[in-house]
Protein backbone atom coordinates (compact mmCIF):
# COMPACT_ATOMS: atom_id res chain seq x y z
CA MET A 1 64.45 198.93 109.46
CA LYS A 2 63.98 196.00 111.80
CA GLU A 3 65.65 195.87 115.20
CA PHE A 4 66.56 193.13 117.66
CA ILE A 5 65.38 190.30 115.45
CA SER A 6 65.96 186.54 115.60
CA ILE A 7 68.89 184.86 113.90
CA VAL A 8 66.48 183.09 111.55
CA GLU A 9 64.96 186.37 110.40
CA ALA A 10 68.34 188.08 110.13
CA ARG A 11 69.78 185.31 107.96
CA SER A 12 66.60 185.20 105.87
CA ILE A 13 66.88 188.94 105.18
CA VAL A 14 70.54 188.66 104.20
CA LEU A 15 70.09 185.67 101.89
CA GLY A 16 66.88 187.13 100.47
CA MET A 17 68.67 190.29 99.40
CA VAL A 18 71.87 188.95 97.83
CA SER A 19 72.01 187.11 94.51
CA SER A 20 74.65 185.45 92.38
CA LEU A 21 77.12 187.59 90.49
CA PRO A 22 77.64 187.43 86.69
CA THR A 23 79.73 184.65 85.22
CA GLU A 24 83.09 184.53 83.44
CA ARG A 25 85.09 181.95 81.55
CA ILE A 26 88.39 180.77 83.01
CA ALA A 27 90.92 177.97 82.57
CA TRP A 28 90.26 175.10 84.93
CA SER A 29 93.84 175.52 86.18
CA ASN A 30 92.74 178.83 87.75
CA GLY A 31 89.50 177.45 89.12
CA LEU A 32 90.35 176.21 92.61
CA ARG A 33 87.56 177.22 95.04
CA ARG A 34 85.58 178.89 92.25
CA THR A 35 82.00 177.82 91.57
CA LEU A 36 80.84 176.26 88.32
CA ALA A 37 78.13 178.14 86.45
CA GLN A 38 77.61 175.53 83.74
CA LEU A 39 76.49 171.95 83.40
CA ILE A 40 79.41 169.60 82.82
CA ARG A 41 78.48 166.58 80.73
CA SER A 42 80.89 163.87 79.68
CA ARG A 43 81.65 163.78 75.97
CA ASP A 44 83.38 160.37 76.17
CA ASP A 45 83.28 157.13 78.03
CA ILE A 46 85.75 157.27 80.94
CA PRO A 47 87.84 155.24 80.61
CA PRO A 48 87.45 155.50 76.82
CA PHE A 49 88.41 151.84 76.25
CA ALA A 50 88.63 148.64 78.24
CA ASN A 51 92.04 148.45 79.89
CA SER A 52 94.11 146.48 82.33
CA ALA A 53 94.01 147.23 86.05
CA MET A 54 97.31 145.41 86.63
CA ASP A 55 100.71 144.73 85.15
CA GLY A 56 100.44 141.15 83.97
CA TYR A 57 99.07 139.04 81.15
CA ALA A 58 95.82 139.26 79.21
CA VAL A 59 94.42 135.75 79.02
CA ARG A 60 91.38 133.67 78.29
CA ALA A 61 90.35 132.40 81.72
CA SER A 62 89.26 129.09 80.20
CA ASP A 63 92.90 128.40 79.21
CA LEU A 64 93.92 128.32 82.89
CA GLN A 65 91.51 125.73 84.25
CA VAL A 66 94.41 123.37 84.97
CA LEU A 67 97.39 124.84 86.86
CA PRO A 68 100.21 125.35 86.44
CA ALA A 69 99.67 126.25 82.81
CA THR A 70 102.16 127.54 80.24
CA LEU A 71 101.14 129.83 77.38
CA PRO A 72 103.08 131.59 74.64
CA VAL A 73 103.20 135.40 74.74
CA VAL A 74 102.08 136.72 71.36
CA GLU A 75 102.37 140.48 72.02
CA ASP A 76 103.55 143.15 74.45
CA ILE A 77 100.98 145.92 75.09
CA PRO A 78 102.44 148.91 76.98
CA ALA A 79 100.23 151.84 78.01
CA GLY A 80 99.77 154.32 75.19
CA THR A 81 99.72 151.70 72.42
CA PHE A 82 96.90 149.66 70.94
CA PRO A 83 96.82 145.85 70.56
CA GLN A 84 97.77 144.65 67.10
CA GLN A 85 96.30 141.17 67.32
CA ALA A 86 93.67 139.19 69.18
CA VAL A 87 94.46 136.73 71.96
CA GLU A 88 93.62 133.39 70.42
CA PRO A 89 92.85 130.25 72.48
CA GLY A 90 96.02 128.90 74.07
CA THR A 91 97.91 132.25 73.95
CA CYS A 92 98.32 135.35 76.07
CA ALA A 93 99.59 138.93 75.77
CA ARG A 94 101.84 140.80 78.17
CA ILE A 95 100.02 143.98 79.25
CA MET A 96 100.77 147.00 81.41
CA THR A 97 98.41 148.87 83.76
CA GLY A 98 96.15 151.18 81.76
CA ALA A 99 96.96 149.60 78.41
CA PRO A 100 94.01 148.85 76.06
CA PHE A 101 92.64 145.36 76.52
CA PRO A 102 93.09 143.02 73.52
CA GLU A 103 90.28 141.31 71.69
CA GLY A 104 89.78 137.66 72.64
CA ALA A 105 91.08 137.93 76.21
CA ASP A 106 88.67 138.17 79.14
CA ALA A 107 90.91 138.56 82.25
CA VAL A 108 94.31 139.68 83.49
CA ALA A 109 96.65 137.51 85.53
CA PRO A 110 98.91 139.80 87.61
CA VAL A 111 102.61 139.34 86.98
CA GLU A 112 103.17 138.10 90.54
CA TRP A 113 100.99 135.04 89.74
CA THR A 114 103.39 134.02 86.97
CA GLN A 115 106.91 132.91 86.19
CA GLN A 116 108.73 133.92 83.06
CA GLY A 117 109.35 130.86 80.92
CA LYS A 118 111.76 130.13 78.14
CA ASP A 119 111.28 130.83 74.45
CA GLY A 120 108.62 133.51 74.90
CA THR A 121 106.33 131.56 77.24
CA VAL A 122 104.98 132.30 80.70
CA GLN A 123 103.87 129.90 83.44
CA PHE A 124 100.68 130.67 85.36
CA ASN A 125 100.44 129.44 88.95
CA ARG A 126 97.09 131.10 89.70
CA ALA A 127 94.12 131.83 87.47
CA PRO A 128 91.92 134.95 87.36
CA ALA A 129 88.16 134.73 87.08
CA PRO A 130 86.59 136.03 83.84
CA GLY A 131 86.58 139.85 83.95
CA GLU A 132 89.06 140.04 86.84
CA HIS A 133 91.49 143.00 86.74
CA VAL A 134 89.80 144.40 83.61
CA ARG A 135 88.40 147.94 83.63
CA ALA A 136 85.44 148.26 81.31
CA ALA A 137 85.03 151.25 79.02
CA GLY A 138 82.76 153.80 80.73
CA GLN A 139 83.26 152.16 84.12
CA ASP A 140 83.70 155.56 85.76
CA VAL A 141 81.62 157.88 83.56
CA ARG A 142 79.41 157.19 80.55
CA ASP A 143 79.36 159.32 77.41
CA GLY A 144 76.62 161.96 77.88
CA GLU A 145 76.43 161.55 81.65
CA VAL A 146 76.03 164.71 83.77
CA VAL A 147 79.11 164.90 86.00
CA PHE A 148 78.80 168.37 87.59
CA GLU A 149 75.91 170.79 87.88
CA PRO A 150 76.03 174.58 88.34
CA GLY A 151 76.85 175.47 91.92
CA GLN A 152 79.60 172.87 92.27
CA VAL A 153 82.63 174.22 94.12
CA ILE A 154 85.83 173.44 92.22
CA THR A 155 88.11 171.31 94.41
CA PRO A 156 91.33 169.53 93.38
CA PRO A 157 89.42 166.35 92.35
CA VAL A 158 86.99 168.49 90.32
CA ILE A 159 89.95 170.04 88.49
CA GLY A 160 91.27 166.55 87.76
CA MET A 161 87.90 165.42 86.44
CA LEU A 162 87.50 168.52 84.27
CA ALA A 163 90.88 167.78 82.71
CA MET A 164 89.92 164.12 82.23
CA LEU A 165 86.66 165.15 80.55
CA GLY A 166 88.42 167.55 78.17
CA TYR A 167 87.17 170.90 79.53
CA PRO A 168 90.17 173.24 79.30
CA GLU A 169 87.91 176.21 80.13
CA VAL A 170 84.76 176.45 82.23
CA GLU A 171 82.12 179.03 83.06
CA VAL A 172 82.25 180.13 86.70
CA TYR A 173 80.57 182.76 88.83
CA GLN A 174 82.58 185.86 89.52
CA ARG A 175 84.01 186.15 92.99
CA PRO A 176 82.61 188.92 95.19
CA CYS A 177 85.07 191.61 96.12
CA VAL A 178 84.99 192.57 99.79
CA ALA A 179 86.33 195.69 101.48
CA VAL A 180 87.25 195.02 105.12
CA ILE A 181 87.18 198.20 107.18
CA SER A 182 88.39 198.30 110.78
CA THR A 183 87.46 201.34 112.82
CA GLY A 184 88.81 202.82 116.02
CA ASP A 185 91.44 205.28 117.26
CA GLU A 186 92.76 202.55 119.53
CA LEU A 187 93.98 200.36 116.63
CA VAL A 188 97.61 200.05 115.55
CA ASP A 189 99.42 197.70 113.15
CA ALA A 190 100.71 194.31 114.24
CA SER A 191 104.28 195.59 113.86
CA GLU A 192 103.80 198.52 116.24
CA ALA A 193 104.54 198.67 119.95
CA LEU A 194 101.53 199.22 122.15
CA GLY A 195 101.22 202.72 123.47
CA PRO A 196 98.82 203.85 126.20
CA GLY A 197 95.26 202.77 125.35
CA LYS A 198 96.26 201.08 122.08
CA ILE A 199 95.59 197.56 120.79
CA ARG A 200 96.78 195.82 117.65
CA ASP A 201 94.24 195.42 114.88
CA SER A 202 93.34 191.71 114.72
CA ASN A 203 89.89 191.96 113.12
CA GLY A 204 91.18 193.39 109.85
CA PRO A 205 93.68 190.60 109.12
CA ALA A 206 91.35 187.91 110.45
CA LEU A 207 88.40 189.06 108.35
CA VAL A 208 90.55 189.29 105.22
CA ALA A 209 91.56 185.67 105.87
CA GLN A 210 87.93 184.65 106.46
CA VAL A 211 86.95 186.33 103.19
CA ALA A 212 89.64 184.34 101.36
CA SER A 213 88.57 181.10 103.06
CA ALA A 214 85.04 181.74 101.82
CA GLY A 215 86.31 181.89 98.21
CA ALA A 216 85.89 185.66 97.79
CA GLU A 217 88.46 188.38 97.11
CA ALA A 218 89.41 190.96 99.71
CA LEU A 219 90.85 194.37 98.99
CA PRO A 220 93.81 195.38 101.18
CA PRO A 221 92.25 196.14 104.57
CA PHE A 222 91.17 199.68 105.36
CA ARG A 223 91.31 201.38 108.74
CA ALA A 224 89.22 204.39 109.73
CA ARG A 225 89.65 206.64 112.70
CA ASP A 226 86.79 207.66 114.98
CA THR A 227 85.93 210.79 113.04
CA LEU A 228 83.14 211.37 110.57
CA SER A 229 85.56 212.62 107.92
CA SER A 230 87.89 209.62 108.21
CA ILE A 231 85.03 207.15 108.02
CA ARG A 232 83.50 208.90 105.00
CA HIS A 233 86.86 209.04 103.21
CA ILE A 234 87.47 205.32 103.75
CA ILE A 235 83.94 204.40 102.61
CA GLU A 236 84.40 206.38 99.40
CA GLN A 237 87.64 204.48 98.75
CA ALA A 238 85.98 201.14 99.45
CA LEU A 239 83.05 201.56 97.05
CA ASP A 240 84.90 199.58 94.36
CA ALA A 241 83.94 196.45 96.31
CA ASP A 242 80.70 194.43 96.12
CA VAL A 243 80.51 194.12 99.90
CA LEU A 244 81.60 196.52 102.63
CA LEU A 245 82.52 194.76 105.83
CA PHE A 246 82.92 196.98 108.89
CA SER A 247 84.45 195.88 112.16
CA GLY A 248 83.39 198.18 114.99
CA GLY A 249 81.57 201.47 115.06
CA VAL A 250 78.03 200.08 114.72
CA SER A 251 77.03 199.97 118.39
CA VAL A 252 75.59 202.74 120.57
CA GLY A 253 78.75 204.35 121.97
CA ALA A 254 79.50 208.05 121.59
CA TYR A 255 82.27 207.27 119.06
CA ASP A 256 80.42 204.54 117.14
CA LEU A 257 80.03 206.75 114.08
CA VAL A 258 79.84 204.28 111.19
CA LYS A 259 76.04 204.10 111.20
CA GLN A 260 75.77 207.89 111.21
CA VAL A 261 78.05 208.28 108.19
CA LEU A 262 76.35 205.48 106.30
CA ASP A 263 72.95 207.05 106.99
CA GLU A 264 74.22 210.41 105.72
CA MET A 265 75.50 208.71 102.55
CA GLY A 266 72.08 207.20 101.88
CA MET A 267 72.41 203.63 103.13
CA GLU A 268 69.20 201.62 103.31
CA LEU A 269 69.40 199.77 106.64
CA PHE A 270 67.52 196.45 106.71
CA PHE A 271 68.16 195.47 110.31
CA TRP A 272 70.22 196.36 113.36
CA LYS A 273 70.80 194.13 116.38
CA VAL A 274 70.07 190.42 116.52
CA ARG A 275 69.00 188.34 119.52
CA GLN A 276 72.30 186.49 119.71
CA ARG A 277 75.53 186.18 121.64
CA PRO A 278 78.13 187.05 120.61
CA GLY A 279 77.40 189.74 118.07
CA LYS A 280 74.14 191.40 119.13
CA PRO A 281 74.94 194.83 117.54
CA LEU A 282 75.01 193.46 113.97
CA ALA A 283 73.83 195.70 111.12
CA PHE A 284 73.00 194.90 107.50
CA GLY A 285 72.13 197.32 104.73
CA ARG A 286 72.83 198.49 101.19
CA LEU A 287 74.74 201.53 100.01
CA GLN A 288 74.91 202.51 96.34
CA GLY A 289 74.29 198.91 95.29
CA ARG A 290 76.87 197.46 97.69
CA PHE A 291 75.88 195.29 100.61
CA VAL A 292 77.06 196.51 103.97
CA PHE A 293 77.68 194.41 107.07
CA GLY A 294 78.40 196.21 110.30
CA LEU A 295 80.09 193.69 112.55
CA PRO A 296 80.81 194.30 116.23
CA GLY A 297 84.35 195.31 117.19
CA ASN A 298 85.03 192.53 119.67
CA PRO A 299 87.09 189.93 117.78
CA VAL A 300 84.98 186.88 118.66
CA SER A 301 81.76 188.70 117.75
CA SER A 302 83.29 189.82 114.47
CA ALA A 303 84.45 186.30 113.58
CA ILE A 304 81.17 184.60 114.54
CA CYS A 305 79.00 187.12 112.68
CA PHE A 306 81.13 186.62 109.59
CA GLU A 307 80.67 182.85 109.74
CA GLN A 308 76.93 182.99 110.37
CA TYR A 309 75.89 185.78 107.99
CA VAL A 310 78.67 187.01 105.70
CA ARG A 311 79.98 183.60 104.64
CA PRO A 312 76.51 182.36 103.51
CA ALA A 313 75.96 185.65 101.65
CA LEU A 314 79.30 185.30 99.83
CA ALA A 315 78.43 181.68 99.01
CA LYS A 316 75.15 182.78 97.40
CA MET A 317 76.90 185.55 95.46
CA GLN A 318 79.23 182.87 94.08
CA GLY A 319 76.31 180.72 92.94
CA ARG A 320 76.96 177.90 95.39
CA ARG A 321 74.31 175.32 96.17
CA GLU A 322 75.41 174.81 99.78
CA LEU A 323 75.10 178.11 101.64
CA LEU A 324 75.27 176.88 105.23
CA ARG A 325 77.50 174.34 106.88
CA PRO A 326 75.77 171.10 107.87
CA ARG A 327 75.00 170.58 111.55
CA TYR A 328 75.31 167.43 113.60
CA THR A 329 73.70 166.47 116.89
CA ALA A 330 76.15 166.26 119.77
CA ARG A 331 75.91 165.64 123.50
CA LEU A 332 77.27 168.16 126.00
CA ASP A 333 79.88 166.40 128.10
CA ALA A 334 80.21 169.35 130.47
CA PRO A 335 77.71 171.97 131.62
CA THR A 336 77.92 175.39 130.03
CA SER A 337 76.63 178.79 131.03
CA LYS A 338 73.78 180.39 129.08
CA LYS A 339 71.00 182.86 129.75
CA ALA A 340 67.55 182.51 128.19
CA GLY A 341 66.43 185.07 125.62
CA LEU A 342 69.46 185.07 123.32
CA TYR A 343 70.68 182.51 120.77
CA TYR A 344 74.23 181.47 121.66
CA PHE A 345 77.01 180.53 119.24
CA ALA A 346 79.40 178.77 121.61
CA ARG A 347 82.96 177.98 120.63
CA GLY A 348 83.43 174.29 121.19
CA CYS A 349 85.70 171.27 121.08
CA ALA A 350 83.84 168.33 119.57
CA PHE A 351 85.04 164.72 119.70
CA TYR A 352 83.77 161.15 119.50
CA ASP A 353 83.69 159.21 122.77
CA ALA A 354 84.53 155.53 123.24
CA ASP A 355 80.99 154.59 122.19
CA GLY A 356 81.23 156.57 118.97
CA ARG A 357 78.90 159.35 120.13
CA LEU A 358 79.63 162.92 119.10
CA CYS A 359 80.28 165.01 122.20
CA VAL A 360 81.16 168.65 122.73
CA HIS A 361 82.18 171.10 125.42
CA ASP A 362 82.97 174.79 125.28
CA THR A 363 86.51 176.08 124.95
CA GLY A 364 86.42 177.86 128.30
CA PRO A 365 85.36 181.43 129.08
CA GLN A 366 83.17 182.66 126.23
CA ALA A 367 83.41 186.42 126.53
CA SER A 368 83.42 188.11 123.14
CA ASN A 369 86.82 189.73 123.69
CA LEU A 370 88.55 186.39 124.41
CA TYR A 371 89.89 185.45 120.99
CA THR A 372 91.52 182.29 122.32
CA SER A 373 88.01 180.85 122.54
CA MET A 374 87.99 180.92 118.71
CA VAL A 375 91.56 179.71 118.32
CA ARG A 376 90.89 176.63 120.45
CA ALA A 377 87.59 175.75 118.77
CA ASN A 378 87.05 173.09 116.13
CA CYS A 379 83.33 173.81 116.00
CA ILE A 380 80.52 176.15 116.91
CA PHE A 381 77.65 174.64 118.87
CA HIS A 382 74.23 176.24 118.74
CA MET A 383 72.07 176.93 121.77
CA PRO A 384 68.55 178.25 121.04
CA GLU A 385 67.06 181.28 122.78
CA ALA A 386 64.90 179.31 125.20
CA LEU A 387 67.74 177.14 126.49
CA GLU A 388 69.21 178.13 129.87
CA ASP A 389 72.35 176.76 131.57
CA PRO A 390 72.21 173.39 129.81
CA PRO A 391 73.52 170.47 131.92
CA VAL A 392 75.63 167.49 130.88
CA GLY A 393 73.76 165.30 128.41
CA THR A 394 71.90 168.13 126.67
CA LEU A 395 71.73 167.62 122.91
CA VAL A 396 72.96 170.54 120.82
CA GLU A 397 73.74 171.10 117.16
CA VAL A 398 77.41 171.25 116.14
CA GLU A 399 78.80 173.04 113.09
CA TRP A 400 82.37 172.04 112.24
CA LEU A 401 84.79 174.86 111.53
CA ASP A 402 86.51 173.70 108.36
CA TRP A 403 89.58 175.79 108.93
């Protein structure tokens, strides 16, 4: 077991241990936020035929060299039908948006460029260039083209494209199941009045929500009291999950008993404590094939450790290609407090200044019990171990919080 390691080593251990779960086949309609496990290749040209981009008239552009011009309408082509005749020189066809383009024509004149004439004719007051307002077959996707690769997260546009490509079912990675376990005699439900020494459990509900936002499934939250028997009983109930996520009980206090129970139950502990703030007393191990994260009990520490370690692990278990959020360089527009020797995850407000530069400042006091520092944040900005009390103008890396 390693102790007091760097964030790089801690994340490397976590991501080196976890792997993607098995796959299953589902309807695309149930696929939002799931991760594709198969290659998606187009089996058609999209669009499958040349069609009109406008309501108007399919014409030969050469017939409209002199304006105004009047042409007879030989056919109406609504969407969902197919042209029955070609557009011969000196004629046109009325066509709706999305309708198949007729043979012989090479452009579409929008209806607002025309005036309806008498006896089935139309007058053109403006002429399209050849190819204008015509969508070619395969303009979006070619038959045989790879559209999605394994690891693609299914978003609403992906669902739309899967339907367009004719994939009613797709292979996806199974979602990890997570058991969120809050510990502490001081915890009560959100609906309860606060008695002496009591606080409402915020970590349980927040972590369940973070699990859901990461695309995984959370069991109803568990709560253990500060006794060995209660903790053991809850752990035994939670072993149906792929991941056990503890909040509290992993530090060095007299009543921090989670580690003791896990050790007695045979957990292999990979590391404990990371050189970071918040969240130094972070533990990671494996118990009976389930991965175990011991997060600190302070709500900010719990939330940050989830985002930096648990979320990437859940992403890898779901087969995703992108495990970490991208980072962007930003300029501190206010000084912030930091001691050397620990890596800081500061809660920040990032914005673009008048010159278009990305700037950031912290959300105020950064103590790990001040949950408002998370609520007010739109990003986390990273401050390496060696950095100390950075002044205005210091460049830092910003990670947007997508919630």
